[in-house]
Amino acid sequence: MTDRPTDGPLPLGGGPSGWERARSRCTACGSEGLLDEGFLEDTGEAAKGYVRWVQGARDTGFLGGFASMGSPRLLVRAFRCRECNHLELFAEAR
């Protein structure tokens, strides 16, 4: 992965420095150093307690279930701005 200019999306990379860059500035209000890490809780039926990103468009399958069996899934990492409460979400590669 190559570094992008600072005016575009920041590549997260695999180490903690990628997450430090991601949480250094709010993309909504521009505040610096005010992003807190948290998570989005999933409390639905048979939930594992956290939200996951699923590849592909949401498609309802047979009997109303989602036809996403076997689709790649990534954990979602969330950051909240203390100034404006904007949420930044990132799909975390394993």
PDB file of N, CA and C in Angstrom:
ATOM      1  N   MET A   1       0.850  -1.172   0.000  1.00  0.00           N
ATOM      2  CA  MET A   1       0.000   0.000   0.000  1.00  0.00           C
ATOM      3  C   MET A   1       0.898   1.239   0.000  1.00  0.00           C
ATOM      4  N   THR A   2       0.633   2.185  -0.847  1.00  0.00           N
ATOM      5  CA  THR A   2       1.435   3.392  -0.910  1.00  0.00           C
ATOM      6  C   THR A   2       0.758   4.504  -0.138  1.00  0.00           C
ATOM      7  N   ASP A   3       1.573   5.429   0.386  1.00  0.00           N
ATOM      8  CA  ASP A   3       1.016   6.572   1.107  1.00  0.00           C
ATOM      9  C   ASP A   3       0.332   7.509   0.136  1.00  0.00           C
ATOM     10  N   ARG A   4      -0.779   8.077   0.572  1.00  0.00           N
ATOM     11  CA  ARG A   4      -1.516   9.047  -0.238  1.00  0.00           C
ATOM     12  C   ARG A   4      -1.219  10.439   0.280  1.00  0.00           C
ATOM     13  N   PRO A   5      -1.475  11.459  -0.529  1.00  0.00           N
ATOM     14  CA  PRO A   5      -1.270  12.818  -0.055  1.00  0.00           C
ATOM     15  C   PRO A   5      -2.157  13.104   1.151  1.00  0.00           C
ATOM     16  N   THR A   6      -1.756  14.072   1.983  1.00  0.00           N
ATOM     17  CA  THR A   6      -2.494  14.378   3.202  1.00  0.00           C
ATOM     18  C   THR A   6      -3.872  14.955   2.936  1.00  0.00           C
ATOM     19  N   ASP A   7      -4.162  15.420   1.713  1.00  0.00           N
ATOM     20  CA  ASP A   7      -5.488  15.961   1.434  1.00  0.00           C
ATOM     21  C   ASP A   7      -6.481  14.880   1.017  1.00  0.00           C
ATOM     22  N   GLY A   8      -6.059  13.625   0.907  1.00  0.00           N
ATOM     23  CA  GLY A   8      -6.950  12.527   0.540  1.00  0.00           C
ATOM     24  C   GLY A   8      -7.131  11.577   1.705  1.00  0.00           C
ATOM     25  N   PRO A   9      -7.808  10.449   1.469  1.00  0.00           N
ATOM     26  CA  PRO A   9      -8.005   9.464   2.524  1.00  0.00           C
ATOM     27  C   PRO A   9      -6.672   8.932   3.037  1.00  0.00           C
ATOM     28  N   LEU A  10      -6.572   8.726   4.328  1.00  0.00           N
ATOM     29  CA  LEU A  10      -5.345   8.220   4.920  1.00  0.00           C
ATOM     30  C   LEU A  10      -5.348   6.699   4.906  1.00  0.00           C
ATOM     31  N   PRO A  11      -4.284   6.083   4.385  1.00  0.00           N
ATOM     32  CA  PRO A  11      -4.210   4.634   4.468  1.00  0.00           C
ATOM     33  C   PRO A  11      -3.962   4.240   5.920  1.00  0.00           C
ATOM     34  N   LEU A  12      -4.699   3.248   6.425  1.00  0.00           N
ATOM     35  CA  LEU A  12      -4.559   2.882   7.826  1.00  0.00           C
ATOM     36  C   LEU A  12      -3.342   2.024   8.081  1.00  0.00           C
ATOM     37  N   GLY A  13      -3.030   1.122   7.175  1.00  0.00           N
ATOM     38  CA  GLY A  13      -1.892   0.256   7.391  1.00  0.00           C
ATOM     39  C   GLY A  13      -2.181  -0.781   8.465  1.00  0.00           C
ATOM     40  N   GLY A  14      -1.208  -1.614   8.764  1.00  0.00           N
ATOM     41  CA  GLY A  14      -1.431  -2.689   9.707  1.00  0.00           C
ATOM     42  C   GLY A  14      -1.064  -2.380  11.141  1.00  0.00           C
ATOM     43  N   GLY A  15      -0.295  -1.344  11.384  1.00  0.00           N
ATOM     44  CA  GLY A  15       0.170  -1.076  12.732  1.00  0.00           C
ATOM     45  C   GLY A  15      -0.594   0.019  13.434  1.00  0.00           C
ATOM     46  N   PRO A  16      -0.233   0.270  14.691  1.00  0.00           N
ATOM     47  CA  PRO A  16      -0.925   1.298  15.457  1.00  0.00           C
ATOM     48  C   PRO A  16      -0.766   2.696  14.872  1.00  0.00           C
ATOM     49  N   SER A  17       0.319   2.947  14.131  1.00  0.00           N
ATOM     50  CA  SER A  17       0.503   4.281  13.560  1.00  0.00           C
ATOM     51  C   SER A  17      -0.599   4.613  12.562  1.00  0.00           C
ATOM     52  N   GLY A  18      -1.135   3.602  11.866  1.00  0.00           N
ATOM     53  CA  GLY A  18      -2.247   3.833  10.951  1.00  0.00           C
ATOM     54  C   GLY A  18      -3.479   4.308  11.686  1.00  0.00           C
ATOM     55  N   TRP A  19      -3.777   3.701  12.827  1.00  0.00           N
ATOM     56  CA  TRP A  19      -4.945   4.109  13.614  1.00  0.00           C
ATOM     57  C   TRP A  19      -4.718   5.472  14.251  1.00  0.00           C
ATOM     58  N   GLU A  20      -3.480   5.765  14.648  1.00  0.00           N
ATOM     59  CA  GLU A  20      -3.177   7.092  15.202  1.00  0.00           C
ATOM     60  C   GLU A  20      -3.424   8.166  14.156  1.00  0.00           C
ATOM     61  N   ARG A  21      -3.047   7.904  12.895  1.00  0.00           N
ATOM     62  CA  ARG A  21      -3.305   8.875  11.826  1.00  0.00           C
ATOM     63  C   ARG A  21      -4.799   9.038  11.601  1.00  0.00           C
ATOM     64  N   ALA A  22      -5.537   7.914  11.630  1.00  0.00           N
ATOM     65  CA  ALA A  22      -6.979   7.962  11.373  1.00  0.00           C
ATOM     66  C   ALA A  22      -7.708   8.765  12.431  1.00  0.00           C
ATOM     67  N   ARG A  23      -7.245   8.725  13.667  1.00  0.00           N
ATOM     68  CA  ARG A  23      -7.952   9.414  14.737  1.00  0.00           C
ATOM     69  C   ARG A  23      -7.349  10.777  15.067  1.00  0.00           C
ATOM     70  N   SER A  24      -6.433  11.266  14.261  1.00  0.00           N
ATOM     71  CA  SER A  24      -5.773  12.531  14.574  1.00  0.00           C
ATOM     72  C   SER A  24      -6.591  13.758  14.210  1.00  0.00           C
ATOM     73  N   ARG A  25      -7.517  13.646  13.254  1.00  0.00           N
ATOM     74  CA  ARG A  25      -8.309  14.805  12.829  1.00  0.00           C
ATOM     75  C   ARG A  25      -9.709  14.361  12.406  1.00  0.00           C
ATOM     76  N   CYS A  26     -10.718  15.105  12.862  1.00  0.00           N
ATOM     77  CA  CYS A  26     -12.103  14.820  12.483  1.00  0.00           C
ATOM     78  C   CYS A  26     -12.334  15.299  11.057  1.00  0.00           C
ATOM     79  N   THR A  27     -12.898  14.440  10.219  1.00  0.00           N
ATOM     80  CA  THR A  27     -13.152  14.824   8.829  1.00  0.00           C
ATOM     81  C   THR A  27     -14.380  15.713   8.695  1.00  0.00           C
ATOM     82  N   ALA A  28     -15.200  15.816   9.734  1.00  0.00           N
ATOM     83  CA  ALA A  28     -16.407  16.654   9.673  1.00  0.00           C
ATOM     84  C   ALA A  28     -16.129  18.091  10.108  1.00  0.00           C
ATOM     85  N   CYS A  29     -15.476  18.270  11.273  1.00  0.00           N
ATOM     86  CA  CYS A  29     -15.285  19.630  11.794  1.00  0.00           C
ATOM     87  C   CYS A  29     -13.828  20.073  11.803  1.00  0.00           C
ATOM     88  N   GLY A  30     -12.876  19.153  11.563  1.00  0.00           N
ATOM     89  CA  GLY A  30     -11.467  19.502  11.498  1.00  0.00           C
ATOM     90  C   GLY A  30     -10.753  19.540  12.836  1.00  0.00           C
ATOM     91  N   SER A  31     -11.435  19.240  13.944  1.00  0.00           N
ATOM     92  CA  SER A  31     -10.787  19.228  15.258  1.00  0.00           C
ATOM     93  C   SER A  31      -9.644  18.227  15.255  1.00  0.00           C
ATOM     94  N   GLU A  32      -8.564  18.572  15.942  1.00  0.00           N
ATOM     95  CA  GLU A  32      -7.397  17.693  15.986  1.00  0.00           C
ATOM     96  C   GLU A  32      -7.256  17.034  17.347  1.00  0.00           C
ATOM     97  N   GLY A  33      -6.880  15.764  17.347  1.00  0.00           N
ATOM     98  CA  GLY A  33      -6.573  15.043  18.572  1.00  0.00           C
ATOM     99  C   GLY A  33      -7.753  14.834  19.504  1.00  0.00           C
ATOM    100  N   LEU A  34      -8.963  14.878  18.991  1.00  0.00           N
ATOM    101  CA  LEU A  34     -10.129  14.768  19.860  1.00  0.00           C
ATOM    102  C   LEU A  34     -11.001  13.557  19.547  1.00  0.00           C
ATOM    103  N   LEU A  35     -10.463  12.570  18.850  1.00  0.00           N
ATOM    104  CA  LEU A  35     -11.274  11.407  18.489  1.00  0.00           C
ATOM    105  C   LEU A  35     -11.071  10.280  19.502  1.00  0.00           C
ATOM    106  N   ASP A  36     -12.181   9.795  20.067  1.00  0.00           N
ATOM    107  CA  ASP A  36     -12.154   8.687  21.016  1.00  0.00           C
ATOM    108  C   ASP A  36     -12.566   7.405  20.306  1.00  0.00           C
ATOM    109  N   GLU A  37     -11.843   6.311  20.595  1.00  0.00           N
ATOM    110  CA  GLU A  37     -12.221   5.034  20.001  1.00  0.00           C
ATOM    111  C   GLU A  37     -13.340   4.387  20.804  1.00  0.00           C
ATOM    112  N   GLY A  38     -14.256   3.737  20.098  1.00  0.00           N
ATOM    113  CA  GLY A  38     -15.346   2.996  20.722  1.00  0.00           C
ATOM    114  C   GLY A  38     -15.770   1.885  19.784  1.00  0.00           C
ATOM    115  N   PHE A  39     -16.985   1.377  19.962  1.00  0.00           N
ATOM    116  CA  PHE A  39     -17.484   0.349  19.057  1.00  0.00           C
ATOM    117  C   PHE A  39     -18.985   0.470  18.941  1.00  0.00           C
ATOM    118  N   LEU A  40     -19.531  -0.112  17.883  1.00  0.00           N
ATOM    119  CA  LEU A  40     -20.972  -0.147  17.666  1.00  0.00           C
ATOM    120  C   LEU A  40     -21.461  -1.518  18.112  1.00  0.00           C
ATOM    121  N   GLU A  41     -22.379  -1.538  19.048  1.00  0.00           N
ATOM    122  CA  GLU A  41     -22.853  -2.800  19.599  1.00  0.00           C
ATOM    123  C   GLU A  41     -24.036  -3.333  18.802  1.00  0.00           C
ATOM    124  N   ASP A  42     -24.009  -4.605  18.513  1.00  0.00           N
ATOM    125  CA  ASP A  42     -25.112  -5.279  17.835  1.00  0.00           C
ATOM    126  C   ASP A  42     -25.789  -6.175  18.864  1.00  0.00           C
ATOM    127  N   THR A  43     -27.036  -5.867  19.197  1.00  0.00           N
ATOM    128  CA  THR A  43     -27.740  -6.651  20.207  1.00  0.00           C
ATOM    129  C   THR A  43     -28.908  -7.428  19.614  1.00  0.00           C
ATOM    130  N   GLY A  44     -28.898  -7.607  18.301  1.00  0.00           N
ATOM    131  CA  GLY A  44     -29.976  -8.338  17.632  1.00  0.00           C
ATOM    132  C   GLY A  44     -29.957  -9.825  17.954  1.00  0.00           C
ATOM    133  N   GLU A  45     -30.921 -10.521  17.441  1.00  0.00           N
ATOM    134  CA  GLU A  45     -31.051 -11.950  17.676  1.00  0.00           C
ATOM    135  C   GLU A  45     -29.810 -12.690  17.180  1.00  0.00           C
ATOM    136  N   ALA A  46     -29.252 -13.541  18.007  1.00  0.00           N
ATOM    137  CA  ALA A  46     -28.050 -14.332  17.709  1.00  0.00           C
ATOM    138  C   ALA A  46     -26.832 -13.454  17.429  1.00  0.00           C
ATOM    139  N   ALA A  47     -26.822 -12.230  17.959  1.00  0.00           N
ATOM    140  CA  ALA A  47     -25.713 -11.299  17.731  1.00  0.00           C
ATOM    141  C   ALA A  47     -24.488 -11.709  18.537  1.00  0.00           C
ATOM    142  N   LYS A  48     -23.316 -11.348  18.011  1.00  0.00           N
ATOM    143  CA  LYS A  48     -22.067 -11.602  18.717  1.00  0.00           C
ATOM    144  C   LYS A  48     -21.651 -10.388  19.548  1.00  0.00           C
ATOM    145  N   GLY A  49     -22.426  -9.300  19.484  1.00  0.00           N
ATOM    146  CA  GLY A  49     -22.142  -8.139  20.312  1.00  0.00           C
ATOM    147  C   GLY A  49     -21.361  -7.041  19.626  1.00  0.00           C
ATOM    148  N   TYR A  50     -21.048  -7.184  18.362  1.00  0.00           N
ATOM    149  CA  TYR A  50     -20.331  -6.144  17.632  1.00  0.00           C
ATOM    150  C   TYR A  50     -20.801  -6.134  16.183  1.00  0.00           C
ATOM    151  N   VAL A  51     -20.615  -5.010  15.527  1.00  0.00           N
ATOM    152  CA  VAL A  51     -21.037  -4.836  14.137  1.00  0.00           C
ATOM    153  C   VAL A  51     -19.931  -5.321  13.212  1.00  0.00           C
ATOM    154  N   ARG A  52     -20.312  -5.944  12.108  1.00  0.00           N
ATOM    155  CA  ARG A  52     -19.343  -6.382  11.111  1.00  0.00           C
ATOM    156  C   ARG A  52     -19.728  -5.819   9.757  1.00  0.00           C
ATOM    157  N   TRP A  53     -18.733  -5.561   8.922  1.00  0.00           N
ATOM    158  CA  TRP A  53     -18.946  -5.136   7.545  1.00  0.00           C
ATOM    159  C   TRP A  53     -19.007  -6.402   6.700  1.00  0.00           C
ATOM    160  N   VAL A  54     -19.995  -6.485   5.792  1.00  0.00           N
ATOM    161  CA  VAL A  54     -20.157  -7.645   4.913  1.00  0.00           C
ATOM    162  C   VAL A  54     -20.000  -7.181   3.472  1.00  0.00           C
ATOM    163  N   GLN A  55     -19.144  -7.849   2.711  1.00  0.00           N
ATOM    164  CA  GLN A  55     -18.885  -7.467   1.324  1.00  0.00           C
ATOM    165  C   GLN A  55     -20.107  -7.702   0.454  1.00  0.00           C
ATOM    166  N   GLY A  56     -20.363  -6.778  -0.458  1.00  0.00           N
ATOM    167  CA  GLY A  56     -21.459  -6.909  -1.415  1.00  0.00           C
ATOM    168  C   GLY A  56     -22.694  -6.140  -0.980  1.00  0.00           C
ATOM    169  N   ALA A  57     -23.582  -5.913  -1.932  1.00  0.00           N
ATOM    170  CA  ALA A  57     -24.832  -5.214  -1.636  1.00  0.00           C
ATOM    171  C   ALA A  57     -25.738  -6.122  -0.803  1.00  0.00           C
ATOM    172  N   ARG A  58     -26.535  -5.512   0.061  1.00  0.00           N
ATOM    173  CA  ARG A  58     -27.468  -6.284   0.882  1.00  0.00           C
ATOM    174  C   ARG A  58     -28.518  -6.922  -0.022  1.00  0.00           C
ATOM    175  N   ASP A  59     -28.647  -8.225   0.078  1.00  0.00           N
ATOM    176  CA  ASP A  59     -29.560  -8.971  -0.789  1.00  0.00           C
ATOM    177  C   ASP A  59     -30.386  -9.913   0.073  1.00  0.00           C
ATOM    178  N   THR A  60     -31.694  -9.765   0.022  1.00  0.00           N
ATOM    179  CA  THR A  60     -32.575 -10.634   0.791  1.00  0.00           C
ATOM    180  C   THR A  60     -32.706 -11.977   0.091  1.00  0.00           C
ATOM    181  N   GLY A  61     -32.462 -13.028   0.834  1.00  0.00           N
ATOM    182  CA  GLY A  61     -32.513 -14.370   0.271  1.00  0.00           C
ATOM    183  C   GLY A  61     -33.828 -15.070   0.556  1.00  0.00           C
ATOM    184  N   PHE A  62     -33.813 -16.364   0.461  1.00  0.00           N
ATOM    185  CA  PHE A  62     -34.974 -17.225   0.655  1.00  0.00           C
ATOM    186  C   PHE A  62     -35.549 -17.044   2.060  1.00  0.00           C
ATOM    187  N   LEU A  63     -36.847 -16.962   2.196  1.00  0.00           N
ATOM    188  CA  LEU A  63     -37.570 -16.797   3.461  1.00  0.00           C
ATOM    189  C   LEU A  63     -37.225 -15.494   4.179  1.00  0.00           C
ATOM    190  N   GLY A  64     -36.799 -14.489   3.448  1.00  0.00           N
ATOM    191  CA  GLY A  64     -36.544 -13.173   4.028  1.00  0.00           C
ATOM    192  C   GLY A  64     -35.193 -12.987   4.677  1.00  0.00           C
ATOM    193  N   GLY A  65     -34.370 -14.034   4.725  1.00  0.00           N
ATOM    194  CA  GLY A  65     -33.038 -13.903   5.304  1.00  0.00           C
ATOM    195  C   GLY A  65     -32.099 -13.217   4.330  1.00  0.00           C
ATOM    196  N   PHE A  66     -30.943 -12.819   4.813  1.00  0.00           N
ATOM    197  CA  PHE A  66     -29.967 -12.173   3.945  1.00  0.00           C
ATOM    198  C   PHE A  66     -29.128 -13.228   3.244  1.00  0.00           C
ATOM    199  N   ALA A  67     -28.911 -13.044   1.956  1.00  0.00           N
ATOM    200  CA  ALA A  67     -28.146 -13.987   1.144  1.00  0.00           C
ATOM    201  C   ALA A  67     -26.668 -13.631   1.193  1.00  0.00           C
ATOM    202  N   SER A  68     -26.102 -13.599   2.392  1.00  0.00           N
ATOM    203  CA  SER A  68     -24.700 -13.203   2.540  1.00  0.00           C
ATOM    204  C   SER A  68     -23.843 -14.335   3.091  1.00  0.00           C
ATOM    205  N   MET A  69     -24.361 -15.531   3.107  1.00  0.00           N
ATOM    206  CA  MET A  69     -23.593 -16.671   3.602  1.00  0.00           C
ATOM    207  C   MET A  69     -22.304 -16.804   2.798  1.00  0.00           C
ATOM    208  N   GLY A  70     -21.188 -16.900   3.491  1.00  0.00           N
ATOM    209  CA  GLY A  70     -19.910 -17.070   2.835  1.00  0.00           C
ATOM    210  C   GLY A  70     -19.248 -15.785   2.376  1.00  0.00           C
ATOM    211  N   SER A  71     -19.928 -14.652   2.489  1.00  0.00           N
ATOM    212  CA  SER A  71     -19.324 -13.372   2.088  1.00  0.00           C
ATOM    213  C   SER A  71     -18.265 -12.961   3.103  1.00  0.00           C
ATOM    214  N   PRO A  72     -17.170 -12.340   2.643  1.00  0.00           N
ATOM    215  CA  PRO A  72     -16.146 -11.874   3.577  1.00  0.00           C
ATOM    216  C   PRO A  72     -16.725 -10.873   4.578  1.00  0.00           C
ATOM    217  N   ARG A  73     -16.236 -10.941   5.828  1.00  0.00           N
ATOM    218  CA  ARG A  73     -16.679 -10.051   6.887  1.00  0.00           C
ATOM    219  C   ARG A  73     -15.471  -9.440   7.575  1.00  0.00           C
ATOM    220  N   LEU A  74     -15.597  -8.173   7.949  1.00  0.00           N
ATOM    221  CA  LEU A  74     -14.536  -7.472   8.664  1.00  0.00           C
ATOM    222  C   LEU A  74     -15.127  -6.799   9.892  1.00  0.00           C
ATOM    223  N   LEU A  75     -14.365  -6.764  10.965  1.00  0.00           N
ATOM    224  CA  LEU A  75     -14.796  -6.027  12.144  1.00  0.00           C
ATOM    225  C   LEU A  75     -14.797  -4.541  11.828  1.00  0.00           C
ATOM    226  N   VAL A  76     -15.679  -3.798  12.483  1.00  0.00           N
ATOM    227  CA  VAL A  76     -15.768  -2.351  12.280  1.00  0.00           C
ATOM    228  C   VAL A  76     -15.170  -1.656  13.493  1.00  0.00           C
ATOM    229  N   ARG A  77     -14.249  -0.735  13.248  1.00  0.00           N
ATOM    230  CA  ARG A  77     -13.627   0.066  14.298  1.00  0.00           C
ATOM    231  C   ARG A  77     -14.198   1.471  14.197  1.00  0.00           C
ATOM    232  N   ALA A  78     -14.591   2.056  15.327  1.00  0.00           N
ATOM    233  CA  ALA A  78     -15.279   3.346  15.321  1.00  0.00           C
ATOM    234  C   ALA A  78     -14.540   4.385  16.158  1.00  0.00           C
ATOM    235  N   PHE A  79     -14.553   5.631  15.678  1.00  0.00           N
ATOM    236  CA  PHE A  79     -13.986   6.766  16.407  1.00  0.00           C
ATOM    237  C   PHE A  79     -15.025   7.878  16.434  1.00  0.00           C
ATOM    238  N   ARG A  80     -15.179   8.556  17.600  1.00  0.00           N
ATOM    239  CA  ARG A  80     -16.150   9.638  17.763  1.00  0.00           C
ATOM    240  C   ARG A  80     -15.421  10.929  18.101  1.00  0.00           C
ATOM    241  N   CYS A  81     -15.806  12.011  17.416  1.00  0.00           N
ATOM    242  CA  CYS A  81     -15.225  13.322  17.680  1.00  0.00           C
ATOM    243  C   CYS A  81     -15.859  13.901  18.943  1.00  0.00           C
ATOM    244  N   ARG A  82     -15.040  14.374  19.878  1.00  0.00           N
ATOM    245  CA  ARG A  82     -15.541  14.977  21.117  1.00  0.00           C
ATOM    246  C   ARG A  82     -16.207  16.325  20.876  1.00  0.00           C
ATOM    247  N   GLU A  83     -15.843  16.995  19.794  1.00  0.00           N
ATOM    248  CA  GLU A  83     -16.393  18.320  19.502  1.00  0.00           C
ATOM    249  C   GLU A  83     -17.763  18.253  18.837  1.00  0.00           C
ATOM    250  N   CYS A  84     -17.915  17.459  17.780  1.00  0.00           N
ATOM    251  CA  CYS A  84     -19.162  17.473  17.002  1.00  0.00           C
ATOM    252  C   CYS A  84     -19.907  16.131  17.022  1.00  0.00           C
ATOM    253  N   ASN A  85     -19.350  15.118  17.702  1.00  0.00           N
ATOM    254  CA  ASN A  85     -19.946  13.776  17.812  1.00  0.00           C
ATOM    255  C   ASN A  85     -20.018  13.008  16.494  1.00  0.00           C
ATOM    256  N   HIS A  86     -19.305  13.469  15.474  1.00  0.00           N
ATOM    257  CA  HIS A  86     -19.237  12.750  14.196  1.00  0.00           C
ATOM    258  C   HIS A  86     -18.565  11.396  14.429  1.00  0.00           C
ATOM    259  N   LEU A  87     -19.075  10.343  13.773  1.00  0.00           N
ATOM    260  CA  LEU A  87     -18.468   9.016  13.861  1.00  0.00           C
ATOM    261  C   LEU A  87     -17.678   8.706  12.602  1.00  0.00           C
ATOM    262  N   GLU A  88     -16.481   8.183  12.777  1.00  0.00           N
ATOM    263  CA  GLU A  88     -15.644   7.687  11.683  1.00  0.00           C
ATOM    264  C   GLU A  88     -15.604   6.172  11.834  1.00  0.00           C
ATOM    265  N   LEU A  89     -15.944   5.442  10.787  1.00  0.00           N
ATOM    266  CA  LEU A  89     -15.955   3.981  10.830  1.00  0.00           C
ATOM    267  C   LEU A  89     -14.922   3.420   9.867  1.00  0.00           C
ATOM    268  N   PHE A  90     -14.198   2.390  10.306  1.00  0.00           N
ATOM    269  CA  PHE A  90     -13.179   1.755   9.485  1.00  0.00           C
ATOM    270  C   PHE A  90     -13.359   0.246   9.551  1.00  0.00           C
ATOM    271  N   ALA A  91     -13.291  -0.425   8.406  1.00  0.00           N
ATOM    272  CA  ALA A  91     -13.319  -1.884   8.363  1.00  0.00           C
ATOM    273  C   ALA A  91     -11.906  -2.367   8.641  1.00  0.00           C
ATOM    274  N   GLU A  92     -11.760  -3.195   9.660  1.00  0.00           N
ATOM    275  CA  GLU A  92     -10.444  -3.633  10.111  1.00  0.00           C
ATOM    276  C   GLU A  92     -10.076  -4.972   9.485  1.00  0.00           C
ATOM    277  N   ALA A  93      -9.006  -4.972   8.695  1.00  0.00           N
ATOM    278  CA  ALA A  93      -8.501  -6.216   8.113  1.00  0.00           C
ATOM    279  C   ALA A  93      -7.903  -7.059   9.227  1.00  0.00           C
ATOM    280  N   ARG A  94      -8.095  -8.352   9.119  1.00  0.00           N
ATOM    281  CA  ARG A  94      -7.586  -9.240  10.187  1.00  0.00           C
ATOM    282  C   ARG A  94      -6.139  -9.524  10.033  1.00  0.00           C
TER     283      ARG A  94
END
